Amino acid sequence: MFSNDLIKEFIEFREVNGEEFTWWSFVNYKYSIEDALSFLKFFNPEIICHENCYFFKDSLSLSSYKVWKEEFGADLSSIEKMVNLYEPKDFFIINKKNDVDSYSQNNQIEAFAETLCQQWKISLKERYNNIPFQVQLIRDDGDLYITMFVLR
């Protein structure tokens, strides 16, 4: 999935506590049940259907939908792709750590985005196995995006 050394704090804890300090230990030390439940919702997003299009419930903007519907007309997959498009780094814009250099931060965002993409694929296939959801990472001129749409 990704290398342990992407998480500086985990490595620091492991150096102090030894090899028996695991990711389970880190989660136990660092996070609450509310944090864990929030991440479960995040990694297993709810989907809503609006006018035969599928969107992430937590990020649907009807004004954005109207703009893209006007642009793409009956091309529902393209509408979904654009409405569901998000930059993974923006999930963390409020809680950005200042002590992490930009190279490490970019590697963390890349690892997060790739893992999120895989998790969303698994989650959507498991929960909606009759709908051919596609989850994609898009790299465009140094920027990274994630999106979801239905293959029609």
N, C-alpha and C. Protein backbone atom coordinates (compact mmCIF):
# COMPACT_ATOMS: atom_id res chain seq x y z
N MET A 1 0.84 -1.18 0.00
CA MET A 1 0.00 0.00 0.00
C MET A 1 0.88 1.25 0.00
N PHE A 2 1.65 1.47 1.06
CA PHE A 2 2.62 2.55 1.11
C PHE A 2 3.64 2.22 2.19
N SER A 3 4.76 2.89 2.11
CA SER A 3 5.86 2.64 3.04
C SER A 3 5.58 3.30 4.40
N ASN A 4 5.94 2.61 5.48
CA ASN A 4 5.76 3.15 6.83
C ASN A 4 6.43 4.51 7.01
N ASP A 5 7.53 4.72 6.31
CA ASP A 5 8.28 5.96 6.53
C ASP A 5 7.59 7.21 5.98
N LEU A 6 6.46 7.04 5.30
CA LEU A 6 5.68 8.20 4.89
C LEU A 6 5.05 8.91 6.09
N ILE A 7 4.88 8.19 7.20
CA ILE A 7 4.27 8.75 8.41
C ILE A 7 5.35 8.92 9.46
N LYS A 8 5.89 10.12 9.52
CA LYS A 8 7.02 10.43 10.40
C LYS A 8 6.70 10.10 11.86
N GLU A 9 5.51 10.45 12.30
CA GLU A 9 5.15 10.22 13.70
C GLU A 9 5.09 8.73 14.03
N PHE A 10 4.62 7.91 13.09
CA PHE A 10 4.60 6.47 13.31
C PHE A 10 6.02 5.95 13.52
N ILE A 11 6.94 6.40 12.67
CA ILE A 11 8.34 5.97 12.77
C ILE A 11 8.94 6.40 14.11
N GLU A 12 8.64 7.62 14.53
CA GLU A 12 9.14 8.10 15.82
C GLU A 12 8.62 7.24 16.98
N PHE A 13 7.34 6.90 16.95
CA PHE A 13 6.76 6.04 17.99
C PHE A 13 7.40 4.65 17.97
N ARG A 14 7.62 4.13 16.77
CA ARG A 14 8.22 2.80 16.64
C ARG A 14 9.66 2.80 17.16
N GLU A 15 10.40 3.86 16.91
CA GLU A 15 11.77 3.96 17.41
C GLU A 15 11.81 3.94 18.94
N VAL A 16 10.84 4.58 19.56
CA VAL A 16 10.77 4.62 21.03
C VAL A 16 10.26 3.30 21.60
N ASN A 17 9.24 2.72 20.95
CA ASN A 17 8.55 1.55 21.49
C ASN A 17 9.03 0.21 20.94
N GLY A 18 9.82 0.22 19.89
CA GLY A 18 10.30 -1.03 19.32
C GLY A 18 9.39 -1.58 18.24
N GLU A 19 9.85 -2.67 17.66
CA GLU A 19 9.15 -3.29 16.53
C GLU A 19 7.74 -3.78 16.90
N GLU A 20 7.47 -3.99 18.19
CA GLU A 20 6.13 -4.44 18.57
C GLU A 20 5.09 -3.32 18.45
N PHE A 21 5.56 -2.09 18.21
CA PHE A 21 4.63 -0.98 17.98
C PHE A 21 4.15 -1.07 16.53
N THR A 22 2.85 -1.36 16.37
CA THR A 22 2.27 -1.62 15.05
C THR A 22 1.31 -0.50 14.67
N TRP A 23 0.76 -0.62 13.48
CA TRP A 23 -0.27 0.34 13.05
C TRP A 23 -1.48 0.27 13.97
N TRP A 24 -1.82 -0.90 14.46
CA TRP A 24 -2.93 -1.02 15.41
C TRP A 24 -2.60 -0.25 16.68
N SER A 25 -1.34 -0.34 17.14
CA SER A 25 -0.91 0.41 18.32
C SER A 25 -1.03 1.91 18.06
N PHE A 26 -0.61 2.33 16.89
CA PHE A 26 -0.66 3.75 16.53
C PHE A 26 -2.10 4.27 16.52
N VAL A 27 -2.99 3.52 15.90
CA VAL A 27 -4.40 3.92 15.86
C VAL A 27 -4.97 3.96 17.28
N ASN A 28 -4.63 2.96 18.09
CA ASN A 28 -5.11 2.91 19.48
C ASN A 28 -4.64 4.12 20.27
N TYR A 29 -3.40 4.52 20.05
CA TYR A 29 -2.83 5.66 20.77
C TYR A 29 -3.39 6.99 20.26
N LYS A 30 -3.54 7.12 18.97
CA LYS A 30 -3.75 8.41 18.32
C LYS A 30 -5.22 8.79 18.10
N TYR A 31 -6.10 7.81 17.92
CA TYR A 31 -7.45 8.12 17.45
C TYR A 31 -8.54 7.58 18.36
N SER A 32 -9.69 8.23 18.28
CA SER A 32 -10.86 7.81 19.06
C SER A 32 -11.78 6.96 18.18
N ILE A 33 -12.80 6.39 18.78
CA ILE A 33 -13.79 5.62 18.01
C ILE A 33 -14.52 6.53 17.04
N GLU A 34 -14.75 7.80 17.44
CA GLU A 34 -15.40 8.75 16.53
C GLU A 34 -14.54 9.01 15.29
N ASP A 35 -13.22 9.12 15.50
CA ASP A 35 -12.31 9.29 14.37
C ASP A 35 -12.40 8.07 13.44
N ALA A 36 -12.37 6.90 14.03
CA ALA A 36 -12.40 5.67 13.24
C ALA A 36 -13.71 5.56 12.45
N LEU A 37 -14.82 5.85 13.09
CA LEU A 37 -16.11 5.79 12.39
C LEU A 37 -16.18 6.82 11.27
N SER A 38 -15.61 8.00 11.50
CA SER A 38 -15.58 9.03 10.45
C SER A 38 -14.79 8.54 9.25
N PHE A 39 -13.64 7.92 9.50
CA PHE A 39 -12.84 7.41 8.39
C PHE A 39 -13.54 6.27 7.67
N LEU A 40 -14.27 5.44 8.39
CA LEU A 40 -15.02 4.37 7.73
C LEU A 40 -16.05 4.95 6.77
N LYS A 41 -16.75 6.00 7.19
CA LYS A 41 -17.71 6.66 6.31
C LYS A 41 -17.00 7.25 5.09
N PHE A 42 -15.84 7.84 5.34
CA PHE A 42 -15.07 8.46 4.28
C PHE A 42 -14.58 7.43 3.25
N PHE A 43 -14.09 6.30 3.73
CA PHE A 43 -13.56 5.28 2.83
C PHE A 43 -14.65 4.42 2.20
N ASN A 44 -15.88 4.55 2.69
CA ASN A 44 -17.02 3.82 2.15
C ASN A 44 -18.15 4.81 1.91
N PRO A 45 -17.99 5.70 0.93
CA PRO A 45 -18.92 6.81 0.76
C PRO A 45 -20.32 6.37 0.34
N GLU A 46 -21.29 7.16 0.80
CA GLU A 46 -22.67 6.93 0.39
C GLU A 46 -22.86 7.52 -1.00
N ILE A 47 -23.66 6.85 -1.80
CA ILE A 47 -23.94 7.27 -3.16
C ILE A 47 -25.42 7.62 -3.26
N ILE A 48 -25.70 8.70 -3.98
CA ILE A 48 -27.10 9.03 -4.26
C ILE A 48 -27.29 9.11 -5.76
N CYS A 49 -28.52 8.85 -6.17
CA CYS A 49 -28.87 8.91 -7.59
C CYS A 49 -29.75 10.14 -7.79
N HIS A 50 -29.36 10.97 -8.75
CA HIS A 50 -30.12 12.17 -9.09
C HIS A 50 -30.24 12.22 -10.60
N GLU A 51 -31.47 12.13 -11.09
CA GLU A 51 -31.74 12.16 -12.54
C GLU A 51 -30.88 11.16 -13.30
N ASN A 52 -30.84 9.94 -12.80
CA ASN A 52 -30.11 8.82 -13.41
C ASN A 52 -28.59 8.97 -13.37
N CYS A 53 -28.08 9.90 -12.57
CA CYS A 53 -26.65 10.05 -12.35
C CYS A 53 -26.34 9.67 -10.91
N TYR A 54 -25.13 9.17 -10.68
CA TYR A 54 -24.69 8.75 -9.35
C TYR A 54 -23.61 9.69 -8.84
N PHE A 55 -23.80 10.11 -7.58
CA PHE A 55 -22.88 11.07 -6.98
C PHE A 55 -22.55 10.68 -5.55
N PHE A 56 -21.37 11.14 -5.10
CA PHE A 56 -21.04 11.01 -3.70
C PHE A 56 -21.98 11.92 -2.92
N LYS A 57 -22.67 11.35 -1.95
CA LYS A 57 -23.65 12.12 -1.18
C LYS A 57 -23.02 13.33 -0.51
N ASP A 58 -21.83 13.17 0.04
CA ASP A 58 -21.21 14.24 0.82
C ASP A 58 -20.62 15.37 -0.01
N SER A 59 -20.53 15.19 -1.30
CA SER A 59 -19.92 16.26 -2.11
C SER A 59 -20.79 16.75 -3.25
N LEU A 60 -22.01 16.25 -3.36
CA LEU A 60 -22.88 16.65 -4.46
C LEU A 60 -23.24 18.13 -4.37
N SER A 61 -23.01 18.83 -5.44
CA SER A 61 -23.43 20.22 -5.59
C SER A 61 -24.41 20.28 -6.76
N LEU A 62 -25.66 20.60 -6.46
CA LEU A 62 -26.66 20.66 -7.54
C LEU A 62 -26.36 21.78 -8.53
N SER A 63 -25.74 22.86 -8.07
CA SER A 63 -25.38 23.93 -9.01
C SER A 63 -24.29 23.44 -9.96
N SER A 64 -23.32 22.68 -9.46
CA SER A 64 -22.30 22.10 -10.32
C SER A 64 -22.94 21.10 -11.29
N TYR A 65 -23.87 20.31 -10.79
CA TYR A 65 -24.57 19.35 -11.64
C TYR A 65 -25.24 20.06 -12.81
N LYS A 66 -25.93 21.15 -12.54
CA LYS A 66 -26.65 21.89 -13.59
C LYS A 66 -25.68 22.42 -14.66
N VAL A 67 -24.54 22.93 -14.21
CA VAL A 67 -23.53 23.44 -15.15
C VAL A 67 -23.04 22.33 -16.06
N TRP A 68 -22.67 21.18 -15.46
CA TRP A 68 -22.13 20.07 -16.26
C TRP A 68 -23.20 19.39 -17.10
N LYS A 69 -24.45 19.38 -16.64
CA LYS A 69 -25.54 18.82 -17.44
C LYS A 69 -25.76 19.67 -18.70
N GLU A 70 -25.65 20.97 -18.54
CA GLU A 70 -25.77 21.87 -19.69
C GLU A 70 -24.62 21.63 -20.68
N GLU A 71 -23.43 21.40 -20.14
CA GLU A 71 -22.23 21.17 -20.98
C GLU A 71 -22.29 19.83 -21.71
N PHE A 72 -22.69 18.75 -20.99
CA PHE A 72 -22.60 17.40 -21.55
C PHE A 72 -23.93 16.80 -22.01
N GLY A 73 -25.02 17.44 -21.71
CA GLY A 73 -26.33 16.94 -22.15
C GLY A 73 -26.64 15.56 -21.63
N ALA A 74 -26.81 14.60 -22.53
CA ALA A 74 -27.19 13.24 -22.16
C ALA A 74 -26.01 12.34 -21.79
N ASP A 75 -24.81 12.85 -21.82
CA ASP A 75 -23.62 12.06 -21.47
C ASP A 75 -23.49 12.00 -19.95
N LEU A 76 -24.25 11.08 -19.36
CA LEU A 76 -24.34 11.00 -17.89
C LEU A 76 -23.00 10.67 -17.23
N SER A 77 -22.21 9.81 -17.86
CA SER A 77 -20.91 9.45 -17.28
C SER A 77 -19.99 10.67 -17.17
N SER A 78 -19.99 11.53 -18.18
CA SER A 78 -19.16 12.73 -18.13
C SER A 78 -19.65 13.71 -17.07
N ILE A 79 -20.95 13.81 -16.92
CA ILE A 79 -21.52 14.67 -15.86
C ILE A 79 -21.05 14.15 -14.51
N GLU A 80 -21.20 12.84 -14.28
CA GLU A 80 -20.76 12.24 -13.01
C GLU A 80 -19.27 12.48 -12.78
N LYS A 81 -18.50 12.25 -13.82
CA LYS A 81 -17.04 12.38 -13.70
C LYS A 81 -16.65 13.77 -13.23
N MET A 82 -17.30 14.79 -13.76
CA MET A 82 -16.95 16.16 -13.40
C MET A 82 -17.52 16.57 -12.05
N VAL A 83 -18.75 16.19 -11.76
CA VAL A 83 -19.36 16.56 -10.47
C VAL A 83 -18.64 15.86 -9.31
N ASN A 84 -18.19 14.64 -9.53
CA ASN A 84 -17.50 13.86 -8.48
C ASN A 84 -15.99 14.12 -8.42
N LEU A 85 -15.48 14.96 -9.29
CA LEU A 85 -14.05 15.24 -9.36
C LEU A 85 -13.59 16.02 -8.12
N TYR A 86 -12.47 15.57 -7.54
CA TYR A 86 -11.96 16.22 -6.34
C TYR A 86 -10.45 16.08 -6.28
N GLU A 87 -9.78 17.10 -5.77
CA GLU A 87 -8.34 17.02 -5.56
C GLU A 87 -8.09 16.43 -4.19
N PRO A 88 -7.45 15.27 -4.08
CA PRO A 88 -7.22 14.64 -2.78
C PRO A 88 -6.54 15.55 -1.76
N LYS A 89 -5.64 16.41 -2.21
CA LYS A 89 -4.96 17.31 -1.26
C LYS A 89 -5.95 18.24 -0.56
N ASP A 90 -7.08 18.53 -1.19
CA ASP A 90 -8.06 19.44 -0.60
C ASP A 90 -8.81 18.83 0.59
N PHE A 91 -8.74 17.51 0.74
CA PHE A 91 -9.33 16.89 1.93
C PHE A 91 -8.61 17.36 3.19
N PHE A 92 -7.37 17.82 3.04
CA PHE A 92 -6.53 18.14 4.20
C PHE A 92 -6.09 19.59 4.24
N ILE A 93 -6.77 20.44 3.53
CA ILE A 93 -6.35 21.84 3.43
C ILE A 93 -6.40 22.56 4.78
N ILE A 94 -7.31 22.17 5.65
CA ILE A 94 -7.44 22.82 6.95
C ILE A 94 -6.39 22.30 7.93
N ASN A 95 -6.10 21.01 7.88
CA ASN A 95 -5.17 20.40 8.84
C ASN A 95 -3.82 20.07 8.21
N LYS A 96 -3.33 20.95 7.38
CA LYS A 96 -2.04 20.75 6.73
C LYS A 96 -0.92 20.91 7.76
N LYS A 97 -0.01 19.94 7.79
CA LYS A 97 1.12 20.01 8.73
C LYS A 97 2.23 20.86 8.12
N ASN A 98 2.72 21.80 8.91
CA ASN A 98 3.75 22.72 8.43
C ASN A 98 5.16 22.14 8.55
N ASP A 99 5.32 21.07 9.33
CA ASP A 99 6.66 20.52 9.54
C ASP A 99 7.02 19.44 8.52
N VAL A 100 6.20 19.27 7.49
CA VAL A 100 6.46 18.26 6.46
C VAL A 100 6.87 18.98 5.18
N ASP A 101 8.02 18.59 4.62
CA ASP A 101 8.48 19.24 3.39
C ASP A 101 7.55 18.89 2.23
N SER A 102 7.57 19.71 1.20
CA SER A 102 6.62 19.55 0.09
C SER A 102 6.81 18.22 -0.65
N TYR A 103 8.04 17.74 -0.76
CA TYR A 103 8.28 16.45 -1.41
C TYR A 103 7.59 15.33 -0.64
N SER A 104 7.77 15.31 0.68
CA SER A 104 7.12 14.29 1.51
C SER A 104 5.60 14.44 1.47
N GLN A 105 5.15 15.68 1.51
CA GLN A 105 3.71 15.94 1.47
C GLN A 105 3.11 15.42 0.16
N ASN A 106 3.79 15.67 -0.95
CA ASN A 106 3.31 15.18 -2.25
C ASN A 106 3.28 13.65 -2.28
N ASN A 107 4.31 13.02 -1.71
CA ASN A 107 4.32 11.55 -1.64
C ASN A 107 3.18 11.03 -0.77
N GLN A 108 2.90 11.72 0.32
CA GLN A 108 1.79 11.31 1.19
C GLN A 108 0.45 11.44 0.46
N ILE A 109 0.26 12.55 -0.23
CA ILE A 109 -0.99 12.76 -0.98
C ILE A 109 -1.13 11.71 -2.07
N GLU A 110 -0.05 11.40 -2.76
CA GLU A 110 -0.07 10.38 -3.81
C GLU A 110 -0.44 9.01 -3.22
N ALA A 111 0.18 8.63 -2.11
CA ALA A 111 -0.13 7.35 -1.46
C ALA A 111 -1.58 7.33 -0.99
N PHE A 112 -2.02 8.42 -0.40
CA PHE A 112 -3.40 8.52 0.07
C PHE A 112 -4.37 8.36 -1.10
N ALA A 113 -4.14 9.09 -2.19
CA ALA A 113 -5.04 9.06 -3.34
C ALA A 113 -5.10 7.67 -3.97
N GLU A 114 -3.96 7.03 -4.12
CA GLU A 114 -3.95 5.68 -4.70
C GLU A 114 -4.70 4.69 -3.81
N THR A 115 -4.50 4.79 -2.50
CA THR A 115 -5.18 3.90 -1.57
C THR A 115 -6.67 4.19 -1.51
N LEU A 116 -7.03 5.47 -1.51
CA LEU A 116 -8.44 5.86 -1.51
C LEU A 116 -9.14 5.34 -2.77
N CYS A 117 -8.48 5.48 -3.89
CA CYS A 117 -9.03 4.98 -5.16
C CYS A 117 -9.32 3.48 -5.07
N GLN A 118 -8.36 2.72 -4.58
CA GLN A 118 -8.54 1.27 -4.43
C GLN A 118 -9.68 0.95 -3.47
N GLN A 119 -9.73 1.65 -2.34
CA GLN A 119 -10.76 1.39 -1.35
C GLN A 119 -12.15 1.72 -1.89
N TRP A 120 -12.28 2.84 -2.57
CA TRP A 120 -13.57 3.20 -3.14
C TRP A 120 -14.01 2.16 -4.18
N LYS A 121 -13.09 1.67 -4.99
CA LYS A 121 -13.43 0.64 -5.97
C LYS A 121 -13.98 -0.60 -5.27
N ILE A 122 -13.27 -1.04 -4.25
CA ILE A 122 -13.69 -2.24 -3.51
C ILE A 122 -15.04 -2.01 -2.84
N SER A 123 -15.19 -0.89 -2.18
CA SER A 123 -16.41 -0.58 -1.45
C SER A 123 -17.61 -0.47 -2.39
N LEU A 124 -17.45 0.23 -3.48
CA LEU A 124 -18.57 0.41 -4.41
C LEU A 124 -18.96 -0.91 -5.07
N LYS A 125 -17.96 -1.71 -5.43
CA LYS A 125 -18.26 -3.01 -6.05
C LYS A 125 -19.00 -3.92 -5.07
N GLU A 126 -18.58 -3.90 -3.81
CA GLU A 126 -19.22 -4.74 -2.79
C GLU A 126 -20.65 -4.31 -2.50
N ARG A 127 -20.87 -3.03 -2.42
CA ARG A 127 -22.19 -2.52 -2.01
C ARG A 127 -23.15 -2.31 -3.17
N TYR A 128 -22.62 -2.11 -4.38
CA TYR A 128 -23.46 -1.83 -5.55
C TYR A 128 -22.98 -2.70 -6.71
N ASN A 129 -22.97 -4.00 -6.53
CA ASN A 129 -22.34 -4.88 -7.53
C ASN A 129 -23.06 -4.90 -8.87
N ASN A 130 -24.27 -4.38 -8.94
CA ASN A 130 -25.00 -4.35 -10.21
C ASN A 130 -24.77 -3.05 -10.99
N ILE A 131 -23.99 -2.10 -10.42
CA ILE A 131 -23.71 -0.83 -11.08
C ILE A 131 -22.20 -0.79 -11.39
N PRO A 132 -21.83 -0.61 -12.66
CA PRO A 132 -20.41 -0.63 -13.02
C PRO A 132 -19.67 0.69 -12.71
N PHE A 133 -19.51 0.96 -11.42
CA PHE A 133 -18.80 2.17 -11.00
C PHE A 133 -17.33 2.09 -11.40
N GLN A 134 -16.81 3.22 -11.80
CA GLN A 134 -15.39 3.37 -12.12
C GLN A 134 -14.84 4.46 -11.21
N VAL A 135 -13.71 4.20 -10.61
CA VAL A 135 -13.02 5.21 -9.81
C VAL A 135 -11.68 5.41 -10.46
N GLN A 136 -11.35 6.67 -10.72
CA GLN A 136 -10.11 6.96 -11.44
C GLN A 136 -9.30 8.04 -10.75
N LEU A 137 -8.00 7.88 -10.85
CA LEU A 137 -7.07 8.96 -10.52
C LEU A 137 -6.69 9.62 -11.84
N ILE A 138 -6.70 10.93 -11.84
CA ILE A 138 -6.34 11.68 -13.03
C ILE A 138 -5.16 12.57 -12.69
N ARG A 139 -4.09 12.42 -13.43
CA ARG A 139 -2.92 13.28 -13.27
C ARG A 139 -2.90 14.25 -14.44
N ASP A 140 -2.90 15.53 -14.10
CA ASP A 140 -2.97 16.54 -15.14
C ASP A 140 -2.04 17.70 -14.80
N ASP A 141 -0.94 17.77 -15.52
CA ASP A 141 0.00 18.89 -15.39
C ASP A 141 0.44 19.12 -13.95
N GLY A 142 0.79 18.04 -13.27
CA GLY A 142 1.27 18.14 -11.89
C GLY A 142 0.17 18.10 -10.84
N ASP A 143 -1.08 18.15 -11.26
CA ASP A 143 -2.19 18.07 -10.31
C ASP A 143 -2.74 16.65 -10.29
N LEU A 144 -3.34 16.28 -9.17
CA LEU A 144 -3.89 14.94 -9.00
C LEU A 144 -5.36 15.07 -8.60
N TYR A 145 -6.21 14.32 -9.28
CA TYR A 145 -7.65 14.33 -9.01
C TYR A 145 -8.14 12.90 -8.86
N ILE A 146 -9.25 12.76 -8.14
CA ILE A 146 -9.94 11.48 -8.05
C ILE A 146 -11.39 11.72 -8.44
N THR A 147 -11.97 10.76 -9.11
CA THR A 147 -13.36 10.89 -9.51
C THR A 147 -14.02 9.52 -9.60
N MET A 148 -15.34 9.56 -9.67
CA MET A 148 -16.13 8.34 -9.79
C MET A 148 -17.23 8.59 -10.81
N PHE A 149 -17.53 7.55 -11.62
CA PHE A 149 -18.61 7.63 -12.59
C PHE A 149 -19.05 6.21 -12.91
N VAL A 150 -20.18 6.11 -13.60
CA VAL A 150 -20.69 4.80 -14.02
C VAL A 150 -20.31 4.59 -15.48
N LEU A 151 -19.77 3.42 -15.77
CA LEU A 151 -19.42 3.06 -17.14
C LEU A 151 -20.71 2.67 -17.86
N ARG A 152 -21.04 3.39 -18.90
CA ARG A 152 -22.28 3.12 -19.64
C ARG A 152 -21.94 2.73 -21.06
